[in-house]
Amino acid sequence: MGCDDNSGESLRKHRKLQIKTDERTAAPPPANDELRGRLEAGGMRTVEGWLNRQDVPKIICLCGSTRFYQHFLEANYQETMKGNIVLSVGFYPHAQNEIHHEEKGCTPEQKIKLDELHKEKIRLADEVFVLNVGGYIGSSTRSEIEYAESIGRPIRYLERGAELQKAVAGGE
């Protein structure tokens, strides 16, 4: 019986501890009144309210040749200041010394992976912004544009006029 009493006492202590732990973690901490008011006023107390928000930032994916590093910086700044979320490239092989301050390589396999990664960014984006400086669109950027078109992403160009001029000149 001594063993049973001991086990019973241990079980009771465990249950008390479990109840206290559950009480602490089961309920979320109370939100302050100001935050609660803002959430309710914005209709965000439900999933539907959250999904129907009108103030959700647009996600913009920058595409273009990495040789135009300064244009990427400027576009990133401009889009951010408009309130957009910006997805961009993370490695600039054409501007290695300017950005990385040393020669950093990229294997052909890594280039393929980086291109695939950038297409995932395009998939996540609401819109693609092509930095076609001087009308230049290289093979990687052209592939990204084709991918964006295939999944129905709207595409905007930095130099739309330059692209139209090339199309007109090519058609003559």
C-alpha atoms as a PDB file:
ATOM      1  CA  MET A   1       0.000   0.000   0.000  1.00  0.00           C
ATOM      2  CA  GLY A   2       2.880   2.306   0.634  1.00  0.00           C
ATOM      3  CA  CYS A   3       3.786   2.094  -3.027  1.00  0.00           C
ATOM      4  CA  ASP A   4       0.205   2.804  -4.077  1.00  0.00           C
ATOM      5  CA  ASP A   5      -0.035   5.838  -1.787  1.00  0.00           C
ATOM      6  CA  ASN A   6       3.277   7.104  -3.076  1.00  0.00           C
ATOM      7  CA  SER A   7       2.163   6.641  -6.678  1.00  0.00           C
ATOM      8  CA  GLY A   8      -1.168   8.315  -5.976  1.00  0.00           C
ATOM      9  CA  GLU A   9       0.553  11.299  -4.345  1.00  0.00           C
ATOM     10  CA  SER A  10       2.948  11.591  -7.256  1.00  0.00           C
ATOM     11  CA  LEU A  11       0.064  11.438  -9.739  1.00  0.00           C
ATOM     12  CA  ARG A  12      -1.873  14.145  -7.852  1.00  0.00           C
ATOM     13  CA  LYS A  13       1.199  16.418  -7.836  1.00  0.00           C
ATOM     14  CA  HIS A  14       1.704  15.771 -11.534  1.00  0.00           C
ATOM     15  CA  ARG A  15      -1.951  16.610 -12.281  1.00  0.00           C
ATOM     16  CA  LYS A  16      -1.734  19.834 -10.232  1.00  0.00           C
ATOM     17  CA  LEU A  17       1.409  20.817 -12.056  1.00  0.00           C
ATOM     18  CA  GLN A  18      -0.183  19.968 -15.404  1.00  0.00           C
ATOM     19  CA  ILE A  19      -3.283  22.034 -14.593  1.00  0.00           C
ATOM     20  CA  LYS A  20      -1.165  25.034 -13.594  1.00  0.00           C
ATOM     21  CA  THR A  21       0.905  24.688 -16.775  1.00  0.00           C
ATOM     22  CA  ASP A  22      -2.217  24.357 -18.908  1.00  0.00           C
ATOM     23  CA  GLU A  23      -3.764  27.438 -17.285  1.00  0.00           C
ATOM     24  CA  ARG A  24      -0.673  29.465 -18.107  1.00  0.00           C
ATOM     25  CA  THR A  25      -0.345  28.343 -21.722  1.00  0.00           C
ATOM     26  CA  ALA A  26      -3.930  27.636 -22.803  1.00  0.00           C
ATOM     27  CA  ALA A  27      -5.181  31.208 -22.965  1.00  0.00           C
ATOM     28  CA  PRO A  28      -3.310  33.823 -24.977  1.00  0.00           C
ATOM     29  CA  PRO A  29      -2.235  36.915 -23.100  1.00  0.00           C
ATOM     30  CA  PRO A  30      -4.945  39.550 -23.152  1.00  0.00           C
ATOM     31  CA  ALA A  31      -4.512  42.103 -25.953  1.00  0.00           C
ATOM     32  CA  ASN A  32      -4.482  45.735 -24.955  1.00  0.00           C
ATOM     33  CA  ASP A  33      -7.667  47.697 -25.618  1.00  0.00           C
ATOM     34  CA  GLU A  34      -6.146  49.857 -28.357  1.00  0.00           C
ATOM     35  CA  LEU A  35      -4.972  46.852 -30.381  1.00  0.00           C
ATOM     36  CA  ARG A  36      -8.269  45.020 -29.832  1.00  0.00           C
ATOM     37  CA  GLY A  37     -10.163  48.100 -31.062  1.00  0.00           C
ATOM     38  CA  ARG A  38      -8.011  48.428 -34.172  1.00  0.00           C
ATOM     39  CA  LEU A  39      -8.425  44.744 -35.011  1.00  0.00           C
ATOM     40  CA  GLU A  40     -12.207  44.851 -34.569  1.00  0.00           C
ATOM     41  CA  ALA A  41     -12.556  48.132 -36.464  1.00  0.00           C
ATOM     42  CA  GLY A  42     -10.566  46.695 -39.355  1.00  0.00           C
ATOM     43  CA  GLY A  43     -12.701  43.555 -39.412  1.00  0.00           C
ATOM     44  CA  MET A  44      -9.678  41.391 -38.674  1.00  0.00           C
ATOM     45  CA  ARG A  45     -11.157  39.351 -35.835  1.00  0.00           C
ATOM     46  CA  THR A  46     -11.920  36.632 -38.385  1.00  0.00           C
ATOM     47  CA  VAL A  47      -9.905  34.905 -41.084  1.00  0.00           C
ATOM     48  CA  GLU A  48     -12.234  36.415 -43.685  1.00  0.00           C
ATOM     49  CA  GLY A  49     -11.573  39.897 -42.316  1.00  0.00           C
ATOM     50  CA  TRP A  50      -7.840  39.342 -42.477  1.00  0.00           C
ATOM     51  CA  LEU A  51      -7.963  37.971 -46.037  1.00  0.00           C
ATOM     52  CA  ASN A  52     -10.179  40.836 -47.247  1.00  0.00           C
ATOM     53  CA  ARG A  53      -7.851  43.558 -46.016  1.00  0.00           C
ATOM     54  CA  GLN A  54      -7.418  46.348 -48.511  1.00  0.00           C
ATOM     55  CA  ASP A  55      -4.117  47.609 -47.078  1.00  0.00           C
ATOM     56  CA  VAL A  56      -2.037  44.515 -47.839  1.00  0.00           C
ATOM     57  CA  PRO A  57       1.227  45.583 -49.502  1.00  0.00           C
ATOM     58  CA  LYS A  58       1.805  44.454 -53.067  1.00  0.00           C
ATOM     59  CA  ILE A  59       4.766  42.111 -53.615  1.00  0.00           C
ATOM     60  CA  ILE A  60       7.012  43.225 -56.468  1.00  0.00           C
ATOM     61  CA  CYS A  61       9.744  41.029 -57.943  1.00  0.00           C
ATOM     62  CA  LEU A  62      12.576  42.866 -59.669  1.00  0.00           C
ATOM     63  CA  CYS A  63      14.035  41.218 -62.776  1.00  0.00           C
ATOM     64  CA  GLY A  64      16.837  42.286 -65.072  1.00  0.00           C
ATOM     65  CA  SER A  65      20.521  41.961 -65.742  1.00  0.00           C
ATOM     66  CA  THR A  66      22.626  41.994 -62.595  1.00  0.00           C
ATOM     67  CA  ARG A  67      25.024  44.379 -64.367  1.00  0.00           C
ATOM     68  CA  PHE A  68      22.490  47.113 -63.525  1.00  0.00           C
ATOM     69  CA  TYR A  69      23.134  46.954 -59.781  1.00  0.00           C
ATOM     70  CA  GLN A  70      22.480  50.669 -59.181  1.00  0.00           C
ATOM     71  CA  HIS A  71      19.128  50.393 -60.962  1.00  0.00           C
ATOM     72  CA  PHE A  72      18.193  47.457 -58.725  1.00  0.00           C
ATOM     73  CA  LEU A  73      19.007  49.576 -55.660  1.00  0.00           C
ATOM     74  CA  GLU A  74      16.975  52.519 -56.963  1.00  0.00           C
ATOM     75  CA  ALA A  75      13.980  50.362 -57.944  1.00  0.00           C
ATOM     76  CA  ASN A  76      14.093  48.594 -54.571  1.00  0.00           C
ATOM     77  CA  TYR A  77      14.071  51.977 -52.808  1.00  0.00           C
ATOM     78  CA  GLN A  78      11.271  53.434 -54.970  1.00  0.00           C
ATOM     79  CA  GLU A  79       9.017  50.387 -54.621  1.00  0.00           C
ATOM     80  CA  THR A  80       9.646  50.173 -50.880  1.00  0.00           C
ATOM     81  CA  MET A  81       8.754  53.854 -50.468  1.00  0.00           C
ATOM     82  CA  LYS A  82       5.486  53.163 -52.329  1.00  0.00           C
ATOM     83  CA  GLY A  83       4.709  50.648 -49.571  1.00  0.00           C
ATOM     84  CA  ASN A  84       5.445  47.524 -51.593  1.00  0.00           C
ATOM     85  CA  ILE A  85       7.345  44.431 -50.511  1.00  0.00           C
ATOM     86  CA  VAL A  86      10.307  43.954 -52.847  1.00  0.00           C
ATOM     87  CA  LEU A  87      11.871  40.645 -53.877  1.00  0.00           C
ATOM     88  CA  SER A  88      15.156  40.967 -55.710  1.00  0.00           C
ATOM     89  CA  VAL A  89      18.284  39.087 -56.650  1.00  0.00           C
ATOM     90  CA  GLY A  90      20.729  38.188 -53.901  1.00  0.00           C
ATOM     91  CA  PHE A  91      23.881  37.775 -55.983  1.00  0.00           C
ATOM     92  CA  TYR A  92      25.172  40.155 -58.642  1.00  0.00           C
ATOM     93  CA  PRO A  93      27.786  38.270 -60.687  1.00  0.00           C
ATOM     94  CA  HIS A  94      28.189  41.170 -63.141  1.00  0.00           C
ATOM     95  CA  ALA A  95      28.995  43.618 -60.328  1.00  0.00           C
ATOM     96  CA  GLN A  96      30.978  41.404 -57.953  1.00  0.00           C
ATOM     97  CA  ASN A  97      33.745  43.832 -57.053  1.00  0.00           C
ATOM     98  CA  GLU A  98      31.323  46.743 -56.611  1.00  0.00           C
ATOM     99  CA  ILE A  99      29.050  44.844 -54.239  1.00  0.00           C
ATOM    100  CA  HIS A 100      30.984  42.014 -52.699  1.00  0.00           C
ATOM    101  CA  HIS A 101      34.368  43.829 -52.797  1.00  0.00           C
ATOM    102  CA  GLU A 102      36.026  40.684 -54.067  1.00  0.00           C
ATOM    103  CA  GLU A 103      35.735  38.155 -56.823  1.00  0.00           C
ATOM    104  CA  LYS A 104      33.049  35.658 -55.854  1.00  0.00           C
ATOM    105  CA  GLY A 105      32.362  32.870 -58.246  1.00  0.00           C
ATOM    106  CA  CYS A 106      29.256  31.079 -59.289  1.00  0.00           C
ATOM    107  CA  THR A 107      29.346  27.614 -60.783  1.00  0.00           C
ATOM    108  CA  PRO A 108      27.041  26.703 -63.686  1.00  0.00           C
ATOM    109  CA  GLU A 109      25.062  24.531 -61.245  1.00  0.00           C
ATOM    110  CA  GLN A 110      24.698  27.447 -58.834  1.00  0.00           C
ATOM    111  CA  LYS A 111      23.548  29.711 -61.689  1.00  0.00           C
ATOM    112  CA  ILE A 112      20.810  27.208 -62.537  1.00  0.00           C
ATOM    113  CA  LYS A 113      19.743  27.089 -58.872  1.00  0.00           C
ATOM    114  CA  LEU A 114      19.771  30.897 -58.626  1.00  0.00           C
ATOM    115  CA  ASP A 115      17.575  31.133 -61.746  1.00  0.00           C
ATOM    116  CA  GLU A 116      15.153  28.588 -60.236  1.00  0.00           C
ATOM    117  CA  LEU A 117      15.126  30.520 -56.958  1.00  0.00           C
ATOM    118  CA  HIS A 118      14.325  33.751 -58.765  1.00  0.00           C
ATOM    119  CA  LYS A 119      11.413  32.073 -60.547  1.00  0.00           C
ATOM    120  CA  GLU A 120      10.086  31.075 -57.119  1.00  0.00           C
ATOM    121  CA  LYS A 121      10.251  34.761 -56.153  1.00  0.00           C
ATOM    122  CA  ILE A 122       8.265  35.572 -59.309  1.00  0.00           C
ATOM    123  CA  ARG A 123       5.687  32.958 -58.293  1.00  0.00           C
ATOM    124  CA  LEU A 124       5.330  34.637 -54.880  1.00  0.00           C
ATOM    125  CA  ALA A 125       5.021  38.122 -56.369  1.00  0.00           C
ATOM    126  CA  ASP A 126       1.915  40.047 -57.341  1.00  0.00           C
ATOM    127  CA  GLU A 127       3.789  41.841 -60.114  1.00  0.00           C
ATOM    128  CA  VAL A 128       7.116  41.655 -61.958  1.00  0.00           C
ATOM    129  CA  PHE A 129       9.116  44.819 -62.594  1.00  0.00           C
ATOM    130  CA  VAL A 130      11.665  44.349 -65.390  1.00  0.00           C
ATOM    131  CA  LEU A 131      14.678  46.650 -65.229  1.00  0.00           C
ATOM    132  CA  ASN A 132      15.372  46.742 -68.973  1.00  0.00           C
ATOM    133  CA  VAL A 133      17.978  49.503 -68.867  1.00  0.00           C
ATOM    134  CA  GLY A 134      18.570  50.802 -72.392  1.00  0.00           C
ATOM    135  CA  GLY A 135      16.043  48.203 -73.580  1.00  0.00           C
ATOM    136  CA  TYR A 136      18.438  45.384 -72.668  1.00  0.00           C
ATOM    137  CA  ILE A 137      16.865  42.024 -71.829  1.00  0.00           C
ATOM    138  CA  GLY A 138      19.278  39.096 -71.536  1.00  0.00           C
ATOM    139  CA  SER A 139      18.489  35.408 -71.799  1.00  0.00           C
ATOM    140  CA  SER A 140      17.900  34.869 -68.051  1.00  0.00           C
ATOM    141  CA  THR A 141      15.582  37.873 -67.858  1.00  0.00           C
ATOM    142  CA  ARG A 142      13.760  36.755 -71.007  1.00  0.00           C
ATOM    143  CA  SER A 143      13.244  33.330 -69.378  1.00  0.00           C
ATOM    144  CA  GLU A 144      11.886  35.020 -66.240  1.00  0.00           C
ATOM    145  CA  ILE A 145       9.490  37.133 -68.326  1.00  0.00           C
ATOM    146  CA  GLU A 146       8.249  34.012 -70.121  1.00  0.00           C
ATOM    147  CA  TYR A 147       7.725  32.269 -66.790  1.00  0.00           C
ATOM    148  CA  ALA A 148       5.852  35.269 -65.357  1.00  0.00           C
ATOM    149  CA  GLU A 149       3.613  35.361 -68.442  1.00  0.00           C
ATOM    150  CA  SER A 150       2.957  31.614 -68.196  1.00  0.00           C
ATOM    151  CA  ILE A 151       1.630  31.954 -64.638  1.00  0.00           C
ATOM    152  CA  GLY A 152      -0.287  35.159 -65.335  1.00  0.00           C
ATOM    153  CA  ARG A 153       1.845  37.670 -63.430  1.00  0.00           C
ATOM    154  CA  PRO A 154       1.462  41.276 -64.559  1.00  0.00           C
ATOM    155  CA  ILE A 155       4.729  42.645 -65.943  1.00  0.00           C
ATOM    156  CA  ARG A 156       5.890  46.246 -65.854  1.00  0.00           C
ATOM    157  CA  TYR A 157       8.992  47.570 -67.619  1.00  0.00           C
ATOM    158  CA  LEU A 158      11.368  50.317 -66.529  1.00  0.00           C
ATOM    159  CA  GLU A 159      11.777  51.528 -70.105  1.00  0.00           C
ATOM    160  CA  ARG A 160       8.562  50.687 -71.846  1.00  0.00           C
ATOM    161  CA  GLY A 161       9.242  53.218 -74.614  1.00  0.00           C
ATOM    162  CA  ALA A 162      12.565  51.586 -75.478  1.00  0.00           C
ATOM    163  CA  GLU A 163      10.860  48.206 -75.804  1.00  0.00           C
ATOM    164  CA  LEU A 164       8.116  49.615 -78.038  1.00  0.00           C
ATOM    165  CA  GLN A 165      10.698  51.354 -80.239  1.00  0.00           C
ATOM    166  CA  LYS A 166      12.518  48.047 -80.730  1.00  0.00           C
ATOM    167  CA  ALA A 167       9.254  46.298 -81.600  1.00  0.00           C
ATOM    168  CA  VAL A 168       8.357  48.990 -84.144  1.00  0.00           C
ATOM    169  CA  ALA A 169      11.861  48.996 -85.633  1.00  0.00           C
ATOM    170  CA  GLY A 170      11.841  45.207 -85.865  1.00  0.00           C
ATOM    171  CA  GLY A 171       8.463  45.194 -87.608  1.00  0.00           C
ATOM    172  CA  GLU A 172       9.490  47.565 -90.377  1.00  0.00           C
END
